[in-house]
C-alpha atoms as a PDB file:
ATOM      1  CA  THR A   1      -0.699  26.415 -21.712  1.00  0.00           C
ATOM      2  CA  VAL A   2       2.814  25.349 -22.553  1.00  0.00           C
ATOM      3  CA  ASN A   3       4.162  22.663 -24.874  1.00  0.00           C
ATOM      4  CA  TYR A   4       6.502  19.969 -23.586  1.00  0.00           C
ATOM      5  CA  THR A   5       8.673  17.300 -25.145  1.00  0.00           C
ATOM      6  CA  THR A   6      11.108  14.694 -23.853  1.00  0.00           C
ATOM      7  CA  ALA A   7      14.583  14.073 -25.227  1.00  0.00           C
ATOM      8  CA  PRO A   8      17.209  11.461 -24.242  1.00  0.00           C
ATOM      9  CA  ILE A   9      20.634  12.225 -22.837  1.00  0.00           C
ATOM     10  CA  ASP A  10      21.902   8.758 -21.896  1.00  0.00           C
ATOM     11  CA  ALA A  11      18.518   7.105 -21.330  1.00  0.00           C
ATOM     12  CA  THR A  12      16.970   5.397 -24.339  1.00  0.00           C
ATOM     13  CA  ALA A  13      13.571   6.642 -25.464  1.00  0.00           C
ATOM     14  CA  ASN A  14      10.865   3.943 -25.489  1.00  0.00           C
ATOM     15  CA  VAL A  15      13.261   1.513 -23.818  1.00  0.00           C
ATOM     16  CA  ASP A  16      13.942   3.234 -20.495  1.00  0.00           C
ATOM     17  CA  TYR A  17      11.022   5.661 -20.677  1.00  0.00           C
ATOM     18  CA  THR A  18       8.119   6.495 -22.977  1.00  0.00           C
ATOM     19  CA  SER A  19       8.842   9.436 -25.248  1.00  0.00           C
ATOM     20  CA  GLN A  20       6.218  12.129 -24.776  1.00  0.00           C
ATOM     21  CA  THR A  21       5.167  15.335 -26.545  1.00  0.00           C
ATOM     22  CA  GLY A  22       2.122  17.328 -25.579  1.00  0.00           C
ATOM     23  CA  THR A  23       0.513  20.466 -24.231  1.00  0.00           C
ATOM     24  CA  LEU A  24       0.250  21.135 -20.507  1.00  0.00           C
ATOM     25  CA  THR A  25      -2.667  23.227 -19.257  1.00  0.00           C
ATOM     26  CA  ILE A  26      -2.147  25.148 -16.028  1.00  0.00           C
ATOM     27  CA  ALA A  27      -5.432  26.098 -14.369  1.00  0.00           C
ATOM     28  CA  PRO A  28      -6.165  29.751 -13.507  1.00  0.00           C
ATOM     29  CA  ASN A  29      -4.851  30.928 -10.116  1.00  0.00           C
ATOM     30  CA  THR A  30      -2.467  27.988  -9.833  1.00  0.00           C
ATOM     31  CA  SER A  31       1.263  27.776 -10.363  1.00  0.00           C
ATOM     32  CA  THR A  32       1.839  24.046 -10.832  1.00  0.00           C
ATOM     33  CA  ALA A  33       0.755  21.179 -13.072  1.00  0.00           C
ATOM     34  CA  SER A  34       1.975  17.626 -13.624  1.00  0.00           C
ATOM     35  CA  ILE A  35       3.529  15.868 -16.593  1.00  0.00           C
ATOM     36  CA  SER A  36       3.510  12.063 -16.419  1.00  0.00           C
ATOM     37  CA  ILE A  37       6.351  10.229 -18.171  1.00  0.00           C
ATOM     38  CA  PRO A  38       5.987   6.413 -17.917  1.00  0.00           C
ATOM     39  CA  ILE A  39       9.201   4.664 -16.843  1.00  0.00           C
ATOM     40  CA  LEU A  40       9.557   1.289 -18.568  1.00  0.00           C
ATOM     41  CA  ASN A  41      10.503  -1.926 -16.802  1.00  0.00           C
ATOM     42  CA  ASP A  42      13.569  -3.959 -17.656  1.00  0.00           C
ATOM     43  CA  ASN A  43      15.800  -6.529 -15.967  1.00  0.00           C
ATOM     44  CA  LEU A  44      19.068  -4.665 -16.481  1.00  0.00           C
ATOM     45  CA  ASN A  45      21.340  -3.483 -13.684  1.00  0.00           C
ATOM     46  CA  GLU A  46      22.224  -0.023 -15.020  1.00  0.00           C
ATOM     47  CA  PRO A  47      23.636   3.220 -13.631  1.00  0.00           C
ATOM     48  CA  ASP A  48      21.420   6.303 -13.363  1.00  0.00           C
ATOM     49  CA  GLU A  49      20.240   7.484 -16.779  1.00  0.00           C
ATOM     50  CA  VAL A  50      18.941  10.897 -17.787  1.00  0.00           C
ATOM     51  CA  PHE A  51      16.404  12.394 -20.145  1.00  0.00           C
ATOM     52  CA  THR A  52      15.115  15.959 -20.333  1.00  0.00           C
ATOM     53  CA  VAL A  53      11.684  17.555 -20.439  1.00  0.00           C
ATOM     54  CA  THR A  54      11.720  20.835 -22.376  1.00  0.00           C
ATOM     55  CA  LEU A  55       8.981  23.483 -22.156  1.00  0.00           C
ATOM     56  CA  SER A  56       8.225  25.763 -25.113  1.00  0.00           C
ATOM     57  CA  ASN A  57       5.649  28.060 -26.732  1.00  0.00           C
ATOM     58  CA  PRO A  58       3.828  29.327 -23.633  1.00  0.00           C
ATOM     59  CA  VAL A  59       0.403  30.914 -24.123  1.00  0.00           C
ATOM     60  CA  ASN A  60      -0.628  33.704 -21.728  1.00  0.00           C
ATOM     61  CA  ALA A  61       2.502  33.002 -19.714  1.00  0.00           C
ATOM     62  CA  THR A  62       6.257  33.477 -19.754  1.00  0.00           C
ATOM     63  CA  ILE A  63       8.872  30.800 -19.141  1.00  0.00           C
ATOM     64  CA  ASN A  64      11.421  32.131 -16.667  1.00  0.00           C
ATOM     65  CA  PRO A  65      14.404  29.740 -16.416  1.00  0.00           C
ATOM     66  CA  ASP A  66      15.086  30.919 -12.878  1.00  0.00           C
ATOM     67  CA  GLU A  67      11.563  30.189 -11.670  1.00  0.00           C
ATOM     68  CA  ALA A  68      10.316  27.258 -13.747  1.00  0.00           C
ATOM     69  CA  ILE A  69      11.275  24.571 -11.249  1.00  0.00           C
ATOM     70  CA  GLY A  70      10.293  20.951 -11.752  1.00  0.00           C
ATOM     71  CA  GLN A  71      10.155  18.272  -9.062  1.00  0.00           C
ATOM     72  CA  VAL A  72      10.815  14.760 -10.323  1.00  0.00           C
ATOM     73  CA  ILE A  73       8.958  11.978  -8.526  1.00  0.00           C
ATOM     74  CA  ILE A  74       9.624   8.466  -9.806  1.00  0.00           C
ATOM     75  CA  THR A  75       6.901   5.971  -8.920  1.00  0.00           C
ATOM     76  CA  ASP A  76       8.770   3.112 -10.564  1.00  0.00           C
ATOM     77  CA  THR A  77       9.931   0.046  -8.659  1.00  0.00           C
ATOM     78  CA  LEU A  78      13.666  -0.476  -8.307  1.00  0.00           C
ATOM     79  CA  GLN A  79      14.450  -4.215  -8.421  1.00  0.00           C
ATOM     80  CA  SER A  80      17.663  -5.396  -6.856  1.00  0.00           C
ATOM     81  CA  ALA A  81      19.438  -8.714  -6.319  1.00  0.00           C
ATOM     82  CA  ILE A  82      21.937  -7.050  -3.953  1.00  0.00           C
ATOM     83  CA  THR A  83      21.609  -5.002  -0.770  1.00  0.00           C
ATOM     84  CA  ARG A  84      20.173  -1.663  -1.827  1.00  0.00           C
ATOM     85  CA  THR A  85      19.152   1.739  -0.438  1.00  0.00           C
ATOM     86  CA  LEU A  86      16.580   3.620  -2.483  1.00  0.00           C
ATOM     87  CA  PRO A  87      17.906   6.784  -4.128  1.00  0.00           C
ATOM     88  CA  THR A  88      16.041  10.039  -3.579  1.00  0.00           C
ATOM     89  CA  ASN A  89      12.643  10.308  -5.297  1.00  0.00           C
ATOM     90  CA  VAL A  90      12.367   6.603  -6.153  1.00  0.00           C
ATOM     91  CA  GLU A  91       9.402   5.215  -4.252  1.00  0.00           C
ATOM     92  CA  ASN A  92       9.424   1.428  -4.374  1.00  0.00           C
ATOM     93  CA  LEU A  93      12.013  -1.286  -3.758  1.00  0.00           C
ATOM     94  CA  ARG A  94      11.694  -4.975  -4.593  1.00  0.00           C
ATOM     95  CA  LEU A  95      14.427  -7.432  -3.665  1.00  0.00           C
ATOM     96  CA  ILE A  96      14.741 -10.352  -6.075  1.00  0.00           C
ATOM     97  CA  GLY A  97      16.555 -13.677  -6.030  1.00  0.00           C
ATOM     98  CA  THR A  98      17.195 -15.981  -3.092  1.00  0.00           C
ATOM     99  CA  ASN A  99      20.218 -14.420  -1.376  1.00  0.00           C
ATOM    100  CA  ASN A 100      20.067 -12.975   2.138  1.00  0.00           C
ATOM    101  CA  ILE A 101      20.151  -9.266   1.264  1.00  0.00           C
ATOM    102  CA  ASN A 102      18.763  -6.068   2.761  1.00  0.00           C
ATOM    103  CA  GLY A 103      16.626  -3.187   1.543  1.00  0.00           C
ATOM    104  CA  THR A 104      16.401   0.370   2.875  1.00  0.00           C
ATOM    105  CA  GLY A 105      13.980   3.102   1.878  1.00  0.00           C
ATOM    106  CA  ASN A 106      14.416   6.857   1.756  1.00  0.00           C
ATOM    107  CA  ALA A 107      12.635   9.902   3.155  1.00  0.00           C
ATOM    108  CA  GLY A 108       9.577   9.324   0.944  1.00  0.00           C
ATOM    109  CA  ASP A 109       6.646   6.962   1.244  1.00  0.00           C
ATOM    110  CA  ASN A 110       8.075   3.620   0.131  1.00  0.00           C
ATOM    111  CA  LYS A 111       6.770   0.166  -0.728  1.00  0.00           C
ATOM    112  CA  ILE A 112       9.415  -2.398   0.174  1.00  0.00           C
ATOM    113  CA  THR A 113       9.211  -6.064  -0.805  1.00  0.00           C
ATOM    114  CA  GLY A 114      11.748  -8.662   0.244  1.00  0.00           C
ATOM    115  CA  ASN A 115      12.814 -11.797  -1.610  1.00  0.00           C
ATOM    116  CA  SER A 116      12.775 -15.451  -0.564  1.00  0.00           C
ATOM    117  CA  GLY A 117      15.916 -15.039   1.533  1.00  0.00           C
ATOM    118  CA  ASN A 118      16.318 -13.596   5.021  1.00  0.00           C
ATOM    119  CA  ASN A 119      16.062  -9.824   4.668  1.00  0.00           C
ATOM    120  CA  ILE A 120      16.519  -6.764   6.855  1.00  0.00           C
ATOM    121  CA  LEU A 121      13.980  -4.210   5.634  1.00  0.00           C
ATOM    122  CA  ALA A 122      14.128  -0.588   6.797  1.00  0.00           C
ATOM    123  CA  GLY A 123      11.695   2.008   5.552  1.00  0.00           C
ATOM    124  CA  ALA A 124      13.463   5.034   7.041  1.00  0.00           C
ATOM    125  CA  ASN A 125      11.240   8.135   7.159  1.00  0.00           C
ATOM    126  CA  GLY A 126       7.890   8.395   5.424  1.00  0.00           C
ATOM    127  CA  ASN A 127       4.744   6.299   5.508  1.00  0.00           C
ATOM    128  CA  ASP A 128       6.098   2.952   4.388  1.00  0.00           C
ATOM    129  CA  ILE A 129       4.411  -0.270   3.306  1.00  0.00           C
ATOM    130  CA  TYR A 130       6.135  -3.637   3.738  1.00  0.00           C
ATOM    131  CA  CYS A 131       4.682  -6.127   1.243  1.00  0.00           C
ATOM    132  CA  PHE A 132       4.636  -9.888   1.858  1.00  0.00           C
ATOM    133  CA  ASN A 133       2.892 -12.347  -0.438  1.00  0.00           C
ATOM    134  CA  ALA A 134       3.559 -15.293   1.838  1.00  0.00           C
ATOM    135  CA  SER A 135       1.690 -17.898  -0.168  1.00  0.00           C
ATOM    136  CA  THR A 136       5.209 -19.095  -1.042  1.00  0.00           C
ATOM    137  CA  PRO A 137       8.266 -19.289   1.266  1.00  0.00           C
ATOM    138  CA  LEU A 138       9.840 -15.903   2.034  1.00  0.00           C
ATOM    139  CA  GLY A 139      12.333 -16.598   4.806  1.00  0.00           C
ATOM    140  CA  SER A 140      12.859 -14.884   8.164  1.00  0.00           C
ATOM    141  CA  ASP A 141      12.850 -11.095   7.871  1.00  0.00           C
ATOM    142  CA  THR A 142      13.600  -8.249  10.258  1.00  0.00           C
ATOM    143  CA  ILE A 143      11.800  -4.910  10.022  1.00  0.00           C
ATOM    144  CA  GLN A 144      13.761  -1.950  11.323  1.00  0.00           C
ATOM    145  CA  GLU A 145      11.644   1.116  12.072  1.00  0.00           C
ATOM    146  CA  THR A 146      11.772   4.023  14.504  1.00  0.00           C
ATOM    147  CA  THR A 147       9.033   5.858  16.377  1.00  0.00           C
ATOM    148  CA  THR A 148       9.582   8.873  14.097  1.00  0.00           C
ATOM    149  CA  GLY A 149       9.395   6.849  10.882  1.00  0.00           C
ATOM    150  CA  GLY A 150       5.860   7.762   9.793  1.00  0.00           C
ATOM    151  CA  ILE A 151       2.710   5.635   9.655  1.00  0.00           C
ATOM    152  CA  ASP A 152       3.819   2.189   8.522  1.00  0.00           C
ATOM    153  CA  THR A 153       1.898  -0.819   7.239  1.00  0.00           C
ATOM    154  CA  LEU A 154       2.380  -4.559   6.797  1.00  0.00           C
ATOM    155  CA  ASP A 155       0.549  -5.634   3.635  1.00  0.00           C
ATOM    156  CA  PHE A 156      -0.118  -9.356   3.119  1.00  0.00           C
ATOM    157  CA  THR A 157      -2.182  -8.952  -0.060  1.00  0.00           C
ATOM    158  CA  GLY A 158      -1.984 -12.164  -2.086  1.00  0.00           C
ATOM    159  CA  THR A 159      -1.380 -14.364   0.955  1.00  0.00           C
ATOM    160  CA  ASN A 160      -4.071 -17.039   0.776  1.00  0.00           C
ATOM    161  CA  THR A 161      -3.310 -18.782   4.051  1.00  0.00           C
ATOM    162  CA  ALA A 162      -3.543 -17.763   7.706  1.00  0.00           C
ATOM    163  CA  VAL A 163      -1.478 -14.783   8.884  1.00  0.00           C
ATOM    164  CA  ARG A 164      -0.543 -14.542  12.581  1.00  0.00           C
ATOM    165  CA  VAL A 165       1.207 -11.323  13.546  1.00  0.00           C
ATOM    166  CA  ASN A 166       1.551  -9.306  16.761  1.00  0.00           C
ATOM    167  CA  LEU A 167       2.889  -5.771  16.359  1.00  0.00           C
ATOM    168  CA  GLY A 168       3.580  -5.483  20.071  1.00  0.00           C
ATOM    169  CA  VAL A 169       6.385  -8.048  20.446  1.00  0.00           C
ATOM    170  CA  THR A 170      10.012  -8.025  19.337  1.00  0.00           C
ATOM    171  CA  THR A 171      10.702 -11.746  19.502  1.00  0.00           C
ATOM    172  CA  ASN A 172      10.902 -13.718  16.273  1.00  0.00           C
ATOM    173  CA  GLN A 173       7.380 -14.837  15.371  1.00  0.00           C
ATOM    174  CA  THR A 174       6.013 -17.251  12.823  1.00  0.00           C
ATOM    175  CA  VAL A 175       3.653 -15.170  10.696  1.00  0.00           C
ATOM    176  CA  VAL A 176       2.762 -17.771   8.058  1.00  0.00           C
ATOM    177  CA  THR A 177       3.545 -21.391   8.900  1.00  0.00           C
ATOM    178  CA  ASN A 178       6.545 -22.665   6.880  1.00  0.00           C
ATOM    179  CA  ASN A 179       6.618 -19.497   4.758  1.00  0.00           C
ATOM    180  CA  LEU A 180       7.420 -16.370   6.792  1.00  0.00           C
ATOM    181  CA  LYS A 181       8.893 -15.305  10.109  1.00  0.00           C
ATOM    182  CA  LEU A 182       9.214 -11.682  11.228  1.00  0.00           C
ATOM    183  CA  THR A 183      11.162  -9.812  13.883  1.00  0.00           C
ATOM    184  CA  PHE A 184      10.405  -6.171  14.721  1.00  0.00           C
ATOM    185  CA  SER A 185      13.157  -3.853  15.928  1.00  0.00           C
ATOM    186  CA  ALA A 186      10.708  -2.311  18.424  1.00  0.00           C
ATOM    187  CA  ASN A 187       7.185  -2.987  19.650  1.00  0.00           C
ATOM    188  CA  ASN A 188       5.790   0.483  18.907  1.00  0.00           C
ATOM    189  CA  THR A 189       6.802   1.376  15.357  1.00  0.00           C
ATOM    190  CA  ILE A 190       4.320  -0.341  12.996  1.00  0.00           C
ATOM    191  CA  GLU A 191       0.743   0.951  12.926  1.00  0.00           C
ATOM    192  CA  ASN A 192      -1.273  -0.991  10.374  1.00  0.00           C
ATOM    193  CA  ILE A 193      -1.845  -4.483   8.978  1.00  0.00           C
ATOM    194  CA  ILE A 194      -3.673  -5.515   5.811  1.00  0.00           C
ATOM    195  CA  SER A 195      -4.320  -9.237   5.357  1.00  0.00           C
ATOM    196  CA  ASP A 196      -6.033 -11.215   2.619  1.00  0.00           C
ATOM    197  CA  SER A 197      -8.157 -14.358   2.399  1.00  0.00           C
ATOM    198  CA  GLY A 198      -6.912 -16.528   5.260  1.00  0.00           C
ATOM    199  CA  ASN A 199      -8.342 -16.945   8.751  1.00  0.00           C
ATOM    200  CA  ASP A 200      -5.980 -14.396  10.237  1.00  0.00           C
ATOM    201  CA  ARG A 201      -5.041 -13.339  13.762  1.00  0.00           C
ATOM    202  CA  LEU A 202      -3.836  -9.736  13.824  1.00  0.00           C
ATOM    203  CA  THR A 203      -2.790  -7.988  17.033  1.00  0.00           C
ATOM    204  CA  GLY A 204      -1.867  -4.342  17.419  1.00  0.00           C
ATOM    205  CA  ASN A 205       0.303  -2.501  19.927  1.00  0.00           C
ATOM    206  CA  SER A 206       0.265   0.753  21.911  1.00  0.00           C
ATOM    207  CA  LEU A 207      -0.175   2.883  18.769  1.00  0.00           C
ATOM    208  CA  ASN A 208      -3.351   3.823  16.921  1.00  0.00           C
ATOM    209  CA  ASN A 209      -3.631   0.734  14.728  1.00  0.00           C
ATOM    210  CA  THR A 210      -5.750  -0.015  11.678  1.00  0.00           C
ATOM    211  CA  LEU A 211      -6.181  -3.775  11.312  1.00  0.00           C
ATOM    212  CA  THR A 212      -7.864  -5.048   8.134  1.00  0.00           C
ATOM    213  CA  GLY A 213      -8.875  -8.690   8.033  1.00  0.00           C
ATOM    214  CA  GLY A 214      -9.921  -9.113   4.404  1.00  0.00           C
ATOM    215  CA  GLY A 215     -11.505 -12.484   3.658  1.00  0.00           C
ATOM    216  CA  GLY A 216     -11.714 -15.358   6.100  1.00  0.00           C
ATOM    217  CA  ASN A 217     -12.874 -15.582   9.692  1.00  0.00           C
ATOM    218  CA  ASP A 218     -10.376 -13.325  11.418  1.00  0.00           C
ATOM    219  CA  GLN A 219      -9.423 -12.371  14.967  1.00  0.00           C
ATOM    220  CA  LEU A 220      -8.429  -8.710  15.277  1.00  0.00           C
ATOM    221  CA  THR A 221      -7.200  -7.236  18.563  1.00  0.00           C
ATOM    222  CA  GLY A 222      -6.304  -3.584  18.822  1.00  0.00           C
ATOM    223  CA  GLN A 223      -4.628  -3.514  22.252  1.00  0.00           C
ATOM    224  CA  ASP A 224      -3.878   0.057  23.447  1.00  0.00           C
ATOM    225  CA  GLY A 225      -4.430   3.155  21.340  1.00  0.00           C
ATOM    226  CA  ASN A 226      -7.432   4.370  19.382  1.00  0.00           C
ATOM    227  CA  ASP A 227      -7.750   1.563  16.868  1.00  0.00           C
ATOM    228  CA  SER A 228      -9.775   0.887  13.727  1.00  0.00           C
ATOM    229  CA  LEU A 229     -10.781  -2.735  13.157  1.00  0.00           C
ATOM    230  CA  ILE A 230     -12.087  -3.828   9.752  1.00  0.00           C
ATOM    231  CA  GLY A 231     -13.127  -7.466   9.710  1.00  0.00           C
ATOM    232  CA  GLY A 232     -14.050  -7.586   6.026  1.00  0.00           C
ATOM    233  CA  PHE A 233     -15.602 -10.776   4.652  1.00  0.00           C
ATOM    234  CA  GLY A 234     -16.431 -13.626   7.003  1.00  0.00           C
ATOM    235  CA  ASP A 235     -17.424 -13.994  10.638  1.00  0.00           C
ATOM    236  CA  ASP A 236     -14.763 -12.148  12.607  1.00  0.00           C
ATOM    237  CA  LEU A 237     -13.910 -11.684  16.281  1.00  0.00           C
ATOM    238  CA  LEU A 238     -13.032  -8.059  17.011  1.00  0.00           C
ATOM    239  CA  THR A 239     -11.514  -6.758  20.260  1.00  0.00           C
ATOM    240  CA  GLY A 240     -10.641  -3.091  20.484  1.00  0.00           C
ATOM    241  CA  GLY A 241      -8.763  -3.125  23.779  1.00  0.00           C
ATOM    242  CA  ASN A 242      -8.038   0.142  25.553  1.00  0.00           C
ATOM    243  CA  GLY A 243      -8.724   3.469  23.879  1.00  0.00           C
ATOM    244  CA  SER A 244     -11.565   4.755  21.720  1.00  0.00           C
ATOM    245  CA  ASP A 245     -11.919   2.241  18.918  1.00  0.00           C
ATOM    246  CA  ASN A 246     -13.777   2.171  15.609  1.00  0.00           C
ATOM    247  CA  PHE A 247     -15.364  -1.031  14.332  1.00  0.00           C
ATOM    248  CA  ILE A 248     -15.731  -0.431  10.608  1.00  0.00           C
ATOM    249  CA  PHE A 249     -18.190  -2.223   8.338  1.00  0.00           C
ATOM    250  CA  ASN A 250     -17.404  -1.453   4.701  1.00  0.00           C
ATOM    251  CA  SER A 251     -17.428  -4.861   3.015  1.00  0.00           C
ATOM    252  CA  SER A 252     -20.062  -6.099   0.581  1.00  0.00           C
ATOM    253  CA  ASN A 253     -20.042  -9.530   2.275  1.00  0.00           C
ATOM    254  CA  LEU A 254     -20.114  -8.728   5.964  1.00  0.00           C
ATOM    255  CA  GLY A 255     -20.838 -12.016   7.692  1.00  0.00           C
ATOM    256  CA  ILE A 256     -21.599 -11.668  11.400  1.00  0.00           C
ATOM    257  CA  ASP A 257     -18.774 -10.092  13.372  1.00  0.00           C
ATOM    258  CA  THR A 258     -18.539 -10.551  17.132  1.00  0.00           C
ATOM    259  CA  ILE A 259     -17.294  -7.568  19.127  1.00  0.00           C
ATOM    260  CA  SER A 260     -16.054  -8.623  22.535  1.00  0.00           C
ATOM    261  CA  ASP A 261     -15.598  -5.293  24.303  1.00  0.00           C
ATOM    262  CA  PHE A 262     -17.686  -2.502  22.758  1.00  0.00           C
ATOM    263  CA  SER A 263     -17.691   0.519  25.072  1.00  0.00           C
ATOM    264  CA  PRO A 264     -20.628   2.899  24.460  1.00  0.00           C
ATOM    265  CA  GLY A 265     -19.694   6.566  24.553  1.00  0.00           C
ATOM    266  CA  SER A 266     -16.099   5.757  23.632  1.00  0.00           C
ATOM    267  CA  ASP A 267     -16.123   3.248  20.773  1.00  0.00           C
ATOM    268  CA  LYS A 268     -17.987   3.660  17.480  1.00  0.00           C
ATOM    269  CA  MET A 269     -19.796   1.352  15.100  1.00  0.00           C
ATOM    270  CA  VAL A 270     -18.794   2.813  11.724  1.00  0.00           C
ATOM    271  CA  LEU A 271     -21.046   2.017   8.764  1.00  0.00           C
ATOM    272  CA  SER A 272     -20.295   2.696   5.113  1.00  0.00           C
ATOM    273  CA  LYS A 273     -23.247   4.150   3.203  1.00  0.00           C
ATOM    274  CA  ALA A 274     -21.868   2.422   0.110  1.00  0.00           C
ATOM    275  CA  ILE A 275     -22.820  -0.876   1.795  1.00  0.00           C
ATOM    276  CA  PHE A 276     -25.802   0.201   3.901  1.00  0.00           C
ATOM    277  CA  THR A 277     -27.429   1.851   0.917  1.00  0.00           C
ATOM    278  CA  ALA A 278     -30.860   2.382   2.487  1.00  0.00           C
ATOM    279  CA  LEU A 279     -29.426   4.966   4.879  1.00  0.00           C
ATOM    280  CA  GLN A 280     -30.162   8.576   3.999  1.00  0.00           C
ATOM    281  CA  SER A 281     -28.544  10.153   7.069  1.00  0.00           C
ATOM    282  CA  SER A 282     -25.608  12.470   6.514  1.00  0.00           C
ATOM    283  CA  ILE A 283     -21.988  11.425   6.856  1.00  0.00           C
ATOM    284  CA  GLY A 284     -20.792  11.926  10.426  1.00  0.00           C
ATOM    285  CA  ASN A 285     -21.612  10.843  13.955  1.00  0.00           C
ATOM    286  CA  GLY A 286     -25.037   9.432  14.719  1.00  0.00           C
ATOM    287  CA  PHE A 287     -28.046   9.457  12.416  1.00  0.00           C
ATOM    288  CA  SER A 288     -29.181  12.826  11.083  1.00  0.00           C
ATOM    289  CA  GLN A 289     -32.485  11.088  10.365  1.00  0.00           C
ATOM    290  CA  PRO A 290     -33.282   9.638  13.817  1.00  0.00           C
ATOM    291  CA  ALA A 291     -35.857   7.159  12.512  1.00  0.00           C
ATOM    292  CA  GLU A 292     -33.097   5.183  10.769  1.00  0.00           C
ATOM    293  CA  PHE A 293     -31.950   3.648  14.090  1.00  0.00           C
ATOM    294  CA  ALA A 294     -33.991   1.793  16.666  1.00  0.00           C
ATOM    295  CA  SER A 295     -33.549  -0.551  19.610  1.00  0.00           C
ATOM    296  CA  VAL A 296     -35.966  -3.431  20.084  1.00  0.00           C
ATOM    297  CA  ASP A 297     -36.495  -5.825  22.962  1.00  0.00           C
ATOM    298  CA  ASP A 298     -35.954  -9.060  21.038  1.00  0.00           C
ATOM    299  CA  ASP A 299     -34.337 -10.336  17.846  1.00  0.00           C
ATOM    300  CA  ASP A 300     -37.713 -11.305  16.371  1.00  0.00           C
ATOM    301  CA  LEU A 301     -38.749  -7.649  16.337  1.00  0.00           C
ATOM    302  CA  ALA A 302     -35.832  -6.475  14.199  1.00  0.00           C
ATOM    303  CA  ALA A 303     -37.458  -7.401  10.888  1.00  0.00           C
ATOM    304  CA  THR A 304     -40.709  -5.579  11.736  1.00  0.00           C
ATOM    305  CA  SER A 305     -39.037  -2.333  12.785  1.00  0.00           C
ATOM    306  CA  SER A 306     -39.288   0.654  10.459  1.00  0.00           C
ATOM    307  CA  ALA A 307     -35.642   1.528  11.167  1.00  0.00           C
ATOM    308  CA  PHE A 308     -32.824   0.457   8.864  1.00  0.00           C
ATOM    309  CA  ILE A 309     -30.290  -0.237  11.644  1.00  0.00           C
ATOM    310  CA  VAL A 310     -31.829  -2.197  14.490  1.00  0.00           C
ATOM    311  CA  TYR A 311     -30.237  -3.244  17.798  1.00  0.00           C
ATOM    312  CA  SER A 312     -31.599  -6.099  19.890  1.00  0.00           C
ATOM    313  CA  ASN A 313     -31.413  -5.266  23.593  1.00  0.00           C
ATOM    314  CA  SER A 314     -31.784  -8.934  24.520  1.00  0.00           C
ATOM    315  CA  SER A 315     -28.956 -10.441  22.462  1.00  0.00           C
ATOM    316  CA  GLY A 316     -26.613  -7.605  21.460  1.00  0.00           C
ATOM    317  CA  SER A 317     -27.216  -8.348  17.778  1.00  0.00           C
ATOM    318  CA  ILE A 318     -27.251  -5.523  15.212  1.00  0.00           C
ATOM    319  CA  TYR A 319     -29.290  -5.899  12.038  1.00  0.00           C
ATOM    320  CA  TYR A 320     -29.373  -4.144   8.701  1.00  0.00           C
ATOM    321  CA  ASN A 321     -33.116  -4.003   8.001  1.00  0.00           C
ATOM    322  CA  GLN A 322     -32.799  -2.881   4.398  1.00  0.00           C
ATOM    323  CA  ASN A 323     -36.530  -2.800   3.617  1.00  0.00           C
ATOM    324  CA  GLY A 324     -37.690  -1.013   6.766  1.00  0.00           C
ATOM    325  CA  SER A 325     -41.183  -1.914   7.941  1.00  0.00           C
ATOM    326  CA  ALA A 326     -41.797  -4.407   5.107  1.00  0.00           C
ATOM    327  CA  ALA A 327     -41.699  -8.087   6.034  1.00  0.00           C
ATOM    328  CA  GLY A 328     -38.266  -9.571   6.602  1.00  0.00           C
ATOM    329  CA  LEU A 329     -34.902  -7.822   6.372  1.00  0.00           C
ATOM    330  CA  GLY A 330     -34.906  -7.375   2.589  1.00  0.00           C
ATOM    331  CA  SER A 331     -31.342  -7.731   1.336  1.00  0.00           C
ATOM    332  CA  GLY A 332     -30.027  -7.036   4.841  1.00  0.00           C
ATOM    333  CA  SER A 333     -29.104  -9.362   7.692  1.00  0.00           C
ATOM    334  CA  GLU A 334     -27.539  -9.509  11.117  1.00  0.00           C
ATOM    335  CA  PHE A 335     -24.000  -8.161  10.738  1.00  0.00           C
ATOM    336  CA  ALA A 336     -22.653  -7.771  14.278  1.00  0.00           C
ATOM    337  CA  ASN A 337     -23.090  -9.030  17.807  1.00  0.00           C
ATOM    338  CA  LEU A 338     -21.906  -7.194  20.915  1.00  0.00           C
ATOM    339  CA  LEU A 339     -20.965  -9.853  23.450  1.00  0.00           C
ATOM    340  CA  THR A 340     -21.422  -7.615  26.492  1.00  0.00           C
ATOM    341  CA  VAL A 341     -24.949  -6.602  25.349  1.00  0.00           C
ATOM    342  CA  PRO A 342     -24.524  -2.931  26.300  1.00  0.00           C
ATOM    343  CA  THR A 343     -27.176  -0.247  25.974  1.00  0.00           C
ATOM    344  CA  LEU A 344     -26.679   1.227  22.517  1.00  0.00           C
ATOM    345  CA  ILE A 345     -27.858   4.607  21.226  1.00  0.00           C
ATOM    346  CA  ALA A 346     -27.604   6.416  17.893  1.00  0.00           C
ATOM    347  CA  ALA A 347     -24.553   8.375  19.074  1.00  0.00           C
ATOM    348  CA  ASP A 348     -22.586   5.123  19.237  1.00  0.00           C
ATOM    349  CA  PHE A 349     -22.646   4.976  15.431  1.00  0.00           C
ATOM    350  CA  ALA A 350     -20.875   6.946  12.724  1.00  0.00           C
ATOM    351  CA  LEU A 351     -21.487   6.987   8.974  1.00  0.00           C
ATOM    352  CA  ILE A 352     -18.845   7.166   6.258  1.00  0.00           C
ATOM    353  CA  ASN A 353     -18.952   7.059   2.473  1.00  0.00           C
END
């Protein structure tokens, strides 16, 4: 163990940061441990300010000034009313006000949020998240990314109306009517989209996309690449496109999702055991307990099957038969329909936590 304490240089304790004193325990056979110092929010435009963290009184260890190296990672959000590039080791940038200003990230994994003006947002390197709560007007923004810029995400959490976005085009597109337009610098630089409660239409590109619909009755289209489509709540239309795609069911309110192009042997139906709680098969491909999956000739036979996941060969419907051979489906229901009505086997499924 080693004691630590903070002390101000030109930062103000309990105004700029929370003063801390404590004892740090470093586990056996390890050489690192973390000290968390909360950075406090304010609305002041200030230069960089400094405080120190001093180590003392080691037990069963020696403090060597030449080897005791600390890495500072600030997870605070820098707010700016002017064009700003994030300094090293600051993770998040939020533009404020109404002026047309720009925001640029750094080499880390950044969250970047524009203001209500027209912004140019550039994440630089790292796995960046561009945040848009477009329930209110946000302007017309441009996202500048490169093909070497990490795995990047558009996050529309908080947007309670329909989102329409296509990652594969570079023309200016209306994403939320009256509230947000976006232009991408290239058609192959953004991988993922997270939407919220609207009836959204999300379209991927040539990359391996993860498209998350959230609430609402959504249309998700993966295009090329090996995509993951998560419809979430509601009755969603899912199209994987080319590649080996995963259709993921991990929502507590599944609805009935329609899958337009499921390709057995290539695509996967991915079920979360946290939702399909009757399943006892192990995490991984297929069902380690074969009796948990069955195909039946007609929808009416799904509720009398002893299997928990039941596929109807006549309609392409997939049922969660939560109570097995007991009458009815228990707390389960139909949760997906495969429009092409392919032949489905246990190997076309995968289980996750």
